[in-house]
Amino acid sequence: MNRSKTLKNTTAAALVLAFLSFQWGCAGPAASKTVKGAGTGAAIGAVGGLVTGQDTGGLLAARAAGAAIGATVGAIQQNKENKRQDTLAQQRAYNQAIAMQKRAIDKEKAELQEELEIAEGFRISNAELEEMSGRAESAEERLKALQAVRQAAIDRKKALDEMEQREKDALAEIARLEKELAALESESGSITSDLE
């Protein structure tokens, strides 16, 4: 009799777990947290019933209790997620509205600037344009002359630096050769005196 009861419990547990596996598979990734929580709670309740050695009725009751608790927890989590998504959607809508307002303001400014430039253009005479053209050319000629003077000064400084370096290198080589020749001459003199 006890063996028969154990067999029934095992069969019932297997059926419960098979049903839950089917339910989780059907729920898929898009299922709400409430559905997932109910499935998880039912599984935990069924396993708990098996562990405590409940009969089929006890297993079903444990499963139902677990599903109710899991559904409640899942519903709370789903509610939080829904609020977070609403907040994000409101923030996106606000940012889009601000961006649209900025584009509209920038467009108005560009149009106004263009209108001001057109109005200013009508007030400018050909004589003013010719005078400004002459002044611009004169300023550019002065700039070129100053740049040439500046470049000439730079070139003179570079030339002087180069000549100073050449002199320094030549003097160093002279000193080295004088020292070398003096050493050779003194060696030659001592060899000659030894030969005599």
C-alpha atoms as a PDB file:
ATOM      1  CA  MET A   1       0.000   0.000   0.000  1.00  0.00           C
ATOM      2  CA  ASN A   2       2.793   2.338   0.909  1.00  0.00           C
ATOM      3  CA  ARG A   3       4.575   1.417  -2.293  1.00  0.00           C
ATOM      4  CA  SER A   4       1.443   2.196  -4.304  1.00  0.00           C
ATOM      5  CA  LYS A   5       1.180   5.602  -2.646  1.00  0.00           C
ATOM      6  CA  THR A   6       4.829   6.370  -3.451  1.00  0.00           C
ATOM      7  CA  LEU A   7       4.276   5.328  -7.059  1.00  0.00           C
ATOM      8  CA  LYS A   8       1.220   7.596  -7.300  1.00  0.00           C
ATOM      9  CA  ASN A   9       3.164  10.495  -5.785  1.00  0.00           C
ATOM     10  CA  THR A  10       6.023   9.964  -8.196  1.00  0.00           C
ATOM     11  CA  THR A  11       3.640   9.776 -11.159  1.00  0.00           C
ATOM     12  CA  ALA A  12       1.816  12.885 -10.018  1.00  0.00           C
ATOM     13  CA  ALA A  13       5.092  14.749  -9.536  1.00  0.00           C
ATOM     14  CA  ALA A  14       6.277  13.722 -12.987  1.00  0.00           C
ATOM     15  CA  LEU A  15       2.977  14.913 -14.492  1.00  0.00           C
ATOM     16  CA  VAL A  16       3.203  18.210 -12.612  1.00  0.00           C
ATOM     17  CA  LEU A  17       6.773  18.792 -13.761  1.00  0.00           C
ATOM     18  CA  ALA A  18       5.896  17.822 -17.345  1.00  0.00           C
ATOM     19  CA  PHE A  19       2.952  20.249 -17.267  1.00  0.00           C
ATOM     20  CA  LEU A  20       5.151  23.020 -15.855  1.00  0.00           C
ATOM     21  CA  SER A  21       7.843  22.377 -18.474  1.00  0.00           C
ATOM     22  CA  PHE A  22       5.176  22.626 -21.159  1.00  0.00           C
ATOM     23  CA  GLN A  23       3.838  25.820 -19.606  1.00  0.00           C
ATOM     24  CA  TRP A  24       7.310  27.434 -19.438  1.00  0.00           C
ATOM     25  CA  GLY A  25       7.998  26.416 -23.026  1.00  0.00           C
ATOM     26  CA  CYS A  26       4.738  27.966 -24.205  1.00  0.00           C
ATOM     27  CA  ALA A  27       5.300  31.111 -22.153  1.00  0.00           C
ATOM     28  CA  GLY A  28       8.497  31.901 -24.067  1.00  0.00           C
ATOM     29  CA  PRO A  29      10.694  34.947 -23.552  1.00  0.00           C
ATOM     30  CA  ALA A  30       7.862  37.413 -24.246  1.00  0.00           C
ATOM     31  CA  ALA A  31       5.705  36.127 -21.358  1.00  0.00           C
ATOM     32  CA  SER A  32       4.947  38.547 -18.573  1.00  0.00           C
ATOM     33  CA  LYS A  33       6.702  38.352 -15.250  1.00  0.00           C
ATOM     34  CA  THR A  34       3.356  37.359 -13.684  1.00  0.00           C
ATOM     35  CA  VAL A  35       3.095  34.227 -15.859  1.00  0.00           C
ATOM     36  CA  LYS A  36       6.749  33.336 -15.323  1.00  0.00           C
ATOM     37  CA  GLY A  37       6.431  33.910 -11.570  1.00  0.00           C
ATOM     38  CA  ALA A  38       3.337  31.703 -11.409  1.00  0.00           C
ATOM     39  CA  GLY A  39       5.140  28.912 -13.261  1.00  0.00           C
ATOM     40  CA  THR A  40       8.218  29.174 -11.061  1.00  0.00           C
ATOM     41  CA  GLY A  41       6.105  29.275  -7.898  1.00  0.00           C
ATOM     42  CA  ALA A  42       4.095  26.248  -9.024  1.00  0.00           C
ATOM     43  CA  ALA A  43       7.267  24.296  -9.688  1.00  0.00           C
ATOM     44  CA  ILE A  44       8.720  25.217  -6.309  1.00  0.00           C
ATOM     45  CA  GLY A  45       5.429  24.298  -4.609  1.00  0.00           C
ATOM     46  CA  ALA A  46       5.235  20.945  -6.417  1.00  0.00           C
ATOM     47  CA  VAL A  47       8.834  20.067  -5.572  1.00  0.00           C
ATOM     48  CA  GLY A  48       8.181  21.106  -1.974  1.00  0.00           C
ATOM     49  CA  GLY A  49       5.144  18.845  -1.869  1.00  0.00           C
ATOM     50  CA  LEU A  50       7.198  15.942  -3.182  1.00  0.00           C
ATOM     51  CA  VAL A  51       9.940  16.512  -0.641  1.00  0.00           C
ATOM     52  CA  THR A  52       7.457  16.540   2.228  1.00  0.00           C
ATOM     53  CA  GLY A  53       5.785  13.351   0.875  1.00  0.00           C
ATOM     54  CA  GLN A  54       2.357  14.808   0.065  1.00  0.00           C
ATOM     55  CA  ASP A  55      -0.250  12.794  -1.798  1.00  0.00           C
ATOM     56  CA  THR A  56      -1.673  13.968  -5.144  1.00  0.00           C
ATOM     57  CA  GLY A  57      -4.083  16.371  -3.482  1.00  0.00           C
ATOM     58  CA  GLY A  58      -1.291  17.784  -1.323  1.00  0.00           C
ATOM     59  CA  LEU A  59       0.940  18.165  -4.371  1.00  0.00           C
ATOM     60  CA  LEU A  60      -1.775  20.037  -6.233  1.00  0.00           C
ATOM     61  CA  ALA A  61      -2.421  22.269  -3.230  1.00  0.00           C
ATOM     62  CA  ALA A  62       1.307  23.005  -2.824  1.00  0.00           C
ATOM     63  CA  ARG A  63       1.521  23.710  -6.528  1.00  0.00           C
ATOM     64  CA  ALA A  64      -1.480  26.059  -6.394  1.00  0.00           C
ATOM     65  CA  ALA A  65      -0.053  27.899  -3.371  1.00  0.00           C
ATOM     66  CA  GLY A  66       3.337  28.229  -5.053  1.00  0.00           C
ATOM     67  CA  ALA A  67       1.685  29.487  -8.254  1.00  0.00           C
ATOM     68  CA  ALA A  68      -0.302  32.097  -6.319  1.00  0.00           C
ATOM     69  CA  ILE A  69       2.777  33.378  -4.496  1.00  0.00           C
ATOM     70  CA  GLY A  70       4.867  33.332  -7.682  1.00  0.00           C
ATOM     71  CA  ALA A  71       2.139  35.161  -9.619  1.00  0.00           C
ATOM     72  CA  THR A  72       1.969  37.841  -6.914  1.00  0.00           C
ATOM     73  CA  VAL A  73       5.739  38.359  -6.918  1.00  0.00           C
ATOM     74  CA  GLY A  74       5.761  38.337 -10.733  1.00  0.00           C
ATOM     75  CA  ALA A  75       2.907  40.863 -10.869  1.00  0.00           C
ATOM     76  CA  ILE A  76       4.822  43.230  -8.569  1.00  0.00           C
ATOM     77  CA  GLN A  77       7.936  42.902 -10.732  1.00  0.00           C
ATOM     78  CA  GLN A  78       5.865  43.396 -13.914  1.00  0.00           C
ATOM     79  CA  ASN A  79       4.287  46.529 -12.424  1.00  0.00           C
ATOM     80  CA  LYS A  80       7.737  47.957 -11.648  1.00  0.00           C
ATOM     81  CA  GLU A  81       8.934  47.131 -15.160  1.00  0.00           C
ATOM     82  CA  ASN A  82       5.843  48.758 -16.696  1.00  0.00           C
ATOM     83  CA  LYS A  83       6.444  51.936 -14.671  1.00  0.00           C
ATOM     84  CA  ARG A  84      10.097  51.996 -15.720  1.00  0.00           C
ATOM     85  CA  GLN A  85       9.150  51.571 -19.384  1.00  0.00           C
ATOM     86  CA  ASP A  86       6.529  54.363 -19.064  1.00  0.00           C
ATOM     87  CA  THR A  87       9.140  56.681 -17.547  1.00  0.00           C
ATOM     88  CA  LEU A  88      11.594  55.894 -20.352  1.00  0.00           C
ATOM     89  CA  ALA A  89       8.900  56.474 -22.989  1.00  0.00           C
ATOM     90  CA  GLN A  90       7.997  59.833 -21.425  1.00  0.00           C
ATOM     91  CA  GLN A  91      11.668  60.842 -21.325  1.00  0.00           C
ATOM     92  CA  ARG A  92      12.126  59.897 -24.998  1.00  0.00           C
ATOM     93  CA  ALA A  93       9.013  61.853 -25.965  1.00  0.00           C
ATOM     94  CA  TYR A  94      10.228  64.886 -23.985  1.00  0.00           C
ATOM     95  CA  ASN A  95      13.685  64.721 -25.590  1.00  0.00           C
ATOM     96  CA  GLN A  96      12.125  64.460 -29.053  1.00  0.00           C
ATOM     97  CA  ALA A  97       9.899  67.468 -28.358  1.00  0.00           C
ATOM     98  CA  ILE A  98      12.903  69.514 -27.155  1.00  0.00           C
ATOM     99  CA  ALA A  99      14.902  68.487 -30.239  1.00  0.00           C
ATOM    100  CA  MET A 100      12.019  69.497 -32.532  1.00  0.00           C
ATOM    101  CA  GLN A 101      11.727  72.881 -30.798  1.00  0.00           C
ATOM    102  CA  LYS A 102      15.486  73.452 -31.148  1.00  0.00           C
ATOM    103  CA  ARG A 103      15.381  72.588 -34.863  1.00  0.00           C
ATOM    104  CA  ALA A 104      12.449  74.954 -35.362  1.00  0.00           C
ATOM    105  CA  ILE A 105      14.261  77.786 -33.518  1.00  0.00           C
ATOM    106  CA  ASP A 106      17.474  77.183 -35.486  1.00  0.00           C
ATOM    107  CA  LYS A 107      15.515  77.256 -38.752  1.00  0.00           C
ATOM    108  CA  GLU A 108      13.817  80.530 -37.778  1.00  0.00           C
ATOM    109  CA  LYS A 109      17.191  82.072 -36.857  1.00  0.00           C
ATOM    110  CA  ALA A 110      18.712  81.004 -40.190  1.00  0.00           C
ATOM    111  CA  GLU A 111      15.775  82.436 -42.125  1.00  0.00           C
ATOM    112  CA  LEU A 112      15.918  85.695 -40.157  1.00  0.00           C
ATOM    113  CA  GLN A 113      19.691  85.963 -40.709  1.00  0.00           C
ATOM    114  CA  GLU A 114      19.207  85.427 -44.434  1.00  0.00           C
ATOM    115  CA  GLU A 115      16.527  88.127 -44.571  1.00  0.00           C
ATOM    116  CA  LEU A 116      18.818  90.556 -42.712  1.00  0.00           C
ATOM    117  CA  GLU A 117      21.666  89.819 -45.125  1.00  0.00           C
ATOM    118  CA  ILE A 118      19.397  90.401 -48.131  1.00  0.00           C
ATOM    119  CA  ALA A 119      18.165  93.708 -46.684  1.00  0.00           C
ATOM    120  CA  GLU A 120      21.761  94.771 -45.966  1.00  0.00           C
ATOM    121  CA  GLY A 121      22.777  93.773 -49.492  1.00  0.00           C
ATOM    122  CA  PHE A 122      20.195  96.126 -50.998  1.00  0.00           C
ATOM    123  CA  ARG A 123      21.693  99.034 -49.023  1.00  0.00           C
ATOM    124  CA  ILE A 124      25.277  98.437 -50.273  1.00  0.00           C
ATOM    125  CA  SER A 125      26.238 100.453 -53.361  1.00  0.00           C
ATOM    126  CA  ASN A 126      28.731  99.464 -56.075  1.00  0.00           C
ATOM    127  CA  ALA A 127      30.995 102.348 -54.997  1.00  0.00           C
ATOM    128  CA  GLU A 128      31.149 100.888 -51.472  1.00  0.00           C
ATOM    129  CA  LEU A 129      32.050  97.475 -52.897  1.00  0.00           C
ATOM    130  CA  GLU A 130      34.830  98.939 -55.070  1.00  0.00           C
ATOM    131  CA  GLU A 131      36.224 100.946 -52.142  1.00  0.00           C
ATOM    132  CA  MET A 132      36.213  97.884 -49.874  1.00  0.00           C
ATOM    133  CA  SER A 133      37.861  95.803 -52.599  1.00  0.00           C
ATOM    134  CA  GLY A 134      40.690  98.371 -52.847  1.00  0.00           C
ATOM    135  CA  ARG A 135      41.117  98.472 -49.080  1.00  0.00           C
ATOM    136  CA  ALA A 136      41.237  94.665 -48.888  1.00  0.00           C
ATOM    137  CA  GLU A 137      43.884  94.464 -51.615  1.00  0.00           C
ATOM    138  CA  SER A 138      45.944  97.197 -49.908  1.00  0.00           C
ATOM    139  CA  ALA A 139      45.764  95.353 -46.576  1.00  0.00           C
ATOM    140  CA  GLU A 140      46.798  92.083 -48.253  1.00  0.00           C
ATOM    141  CA  GLU A 141      49.829  93.807 -49.889  1.00  0.00           C
ATOM    142  CA  ARG A 142      50.914  95.245 -46.522  1.00  0.00           C
ATOM    143  CA  LEU A 143      50.512  91.805 -44.958  1.00  0.00           C
ATOM    144  CA  LYS A 144      52.672  90.195 -47.665  1.00  0.00           C
ATOM    145  CA  ALA A 145      55.378  92.874 -47.193  1.00  0.00           C
ATOM    146  CA  LEU A 146      55.440  92.339 -43.417  1.00  0.00           C
ATOM    147  CA  GLN A 147      55.544  88.555 -43.875  1.00  0.00           C
ATOM    148  CA  ALA A 148      58.504  88.962 -46.259  1.00  0.00           C
ATOM    149  CA  VAL A 149      60.377  91.148 -43.713  1.00  0.00           C
ATOM    150  CA  ARG A 150      59.665  88.613 -40.992  1.00  0.00           C
ATOM    151  CA  GLN A 151      60.849  85.696 -43.159  1.00  0.00           C
ATOM    152  CA  ALA A 152      64.025  87.582 -44.110  1.00  0.00           C
ATOM    153  CA  ALA A 153      64.817  88.091 -40.404  1.00  0.00           C
ATOM    154  CA  ILE A 154      64.242  84.385 -39.736  1.00  0.00           C
ATOM    155  CA  ASP A 155      66.487  83.442 -42.690  1.00  0.00           C
ATOM    156  CA  ARG A 156      69.277  85.774 -41.445  1.00  0.00           C
ATOM    157  CA  LYS A 157      69.118  84.256 -37.971  1.00  0.00           C
ATOM    158  CA  LYS A 158      69.289  80.713 -39.411  1.00  0.00           C
ATOM    159  CA  ALA A 159      72.251  81.687 -41.633  1.00  0.00           C
ATOM    160  CA  LEU A 160      74.105  83.210 -38.658  1.00  0.00           C
ATOM    161  CA  ASP A 161      73.443  80.117 -36.522  1.00  0.00           C
ATOM    162  CA  GLU A 162      74.721  77.886 -39.318  1.00  0.00           C
ATOM    163  CA  MET A 163      77.914  79.933 -39.750  1.00  0.00           C
ATOM    164  CA  GLU A 164      78.555  79.954 -36.005  1.00  0.00           C
ATOM    165  CA  GLN A 165      78.198  76.179 -35.960  1.00  0.00           C
ATOM    166  CA  ARG A 166      80.587  75.830 -38.909  1.00  0.00           C
ATOM    167  CA  GLU A 167      83.146  78.016 -37.106  1.00  0.00           C
ATOM    168  CA  LYS A 168      82.743  76.016 -33.905  1.00  0.00           C
ATOM    169  CA  ASP A 169      83.192  72.701 -35.781  1.00  0.00           C
ATOM    170  CA  ALA A 170      86.305  74.050 -37.618  1.00  0.00           C
ATOM    171  CA  LEU A 171      87.896  75.353 -34.378  1.00  0.00           C
ATOM    172  CA  ALA A 172      87.270  72.021 -32.658  1.00  0.00           C
ATOM    173  CA  GLU A 173      88.909  70.162 -35.550  1.00  0.00           C
ATOM    174  CA  ILE A 174      91.870  72.616 -35.536  1.00  0.00           C
ATOM    175  CA  ALA A 175      92.408  72.039 -31.813  1.00  0.00           C
ATOM    176  CA  ARG A 176      92.260  68.265 -32.285  1.00  0.00           C
ATOM    177  CA  LEU A 177      94.743  68.313 -35.185  1.00  0.00           C
ATOM    178  CA  GLU A 178      97.169  70.650 -33.353  1.00  0.00           C
ATOM    179  CA  LYS A 179      97.134  68.338 -30.353  1.00  0.00           C
ATOM    180  CA  GLU A 180      97.632  65.253 -32.551  1.00  0.00           C
ATOM    181  CA  LEU A 181     100.506  66.878 -34.512  1.00  0.00           C
ATOM    182  CA  ALA A 182     102.211  68.109 -31.344  1.00  0.00           C
ATOM    183  CA  ALA A 183     102.076  64.588 -29.914  1.00  0.00           C
ATOM    184  CA  LEU A 184     103.507  63.115 -33.104  1.00  0.00           C
ATOM    185  CA  GLU A 185     106.254  65.772 -33.257  1.00  0.00           C
ATOM    186  CA  SER A 186     107.324  65.106 -29.665  1.00  0.00           C
ATOM    187  CA  GLU A 187     107.421  61.354 -30.344  1.00  0.00           C
ATOM    188  CA  SER A 188     109.484  61.979 -33.521  1.00  0.00           C
ATOM    189  CA  GLY A 189     111.925  64.187 -31.580  1.00  0.00           C
ATOM    190  CA  SER A 190     112.475  61.563 -28.881  1.00  0.00           C
ATOM    191  CA  ILE A 191     113.057  58.856 -31.512  1.00  0.00           C
ATOM    192  CA  THR A 192     115.667  61.061 -33.286  1.00  0.00           C
ATOM    193  CA  SER A 193     117.517  61.798 -30.052  1.00  0.00           C
ATOM    194  CA  ASP A 194     117.587  58.104 -29.213  1.00  0.00           C
ATOM    195  CA  LEU A 195     119.129  57.332 -32.604  1.00  0.00           C
ATOM    196  CA  GLU A 196     121.933  59.843 -32.100  1.00  0.00           C
END
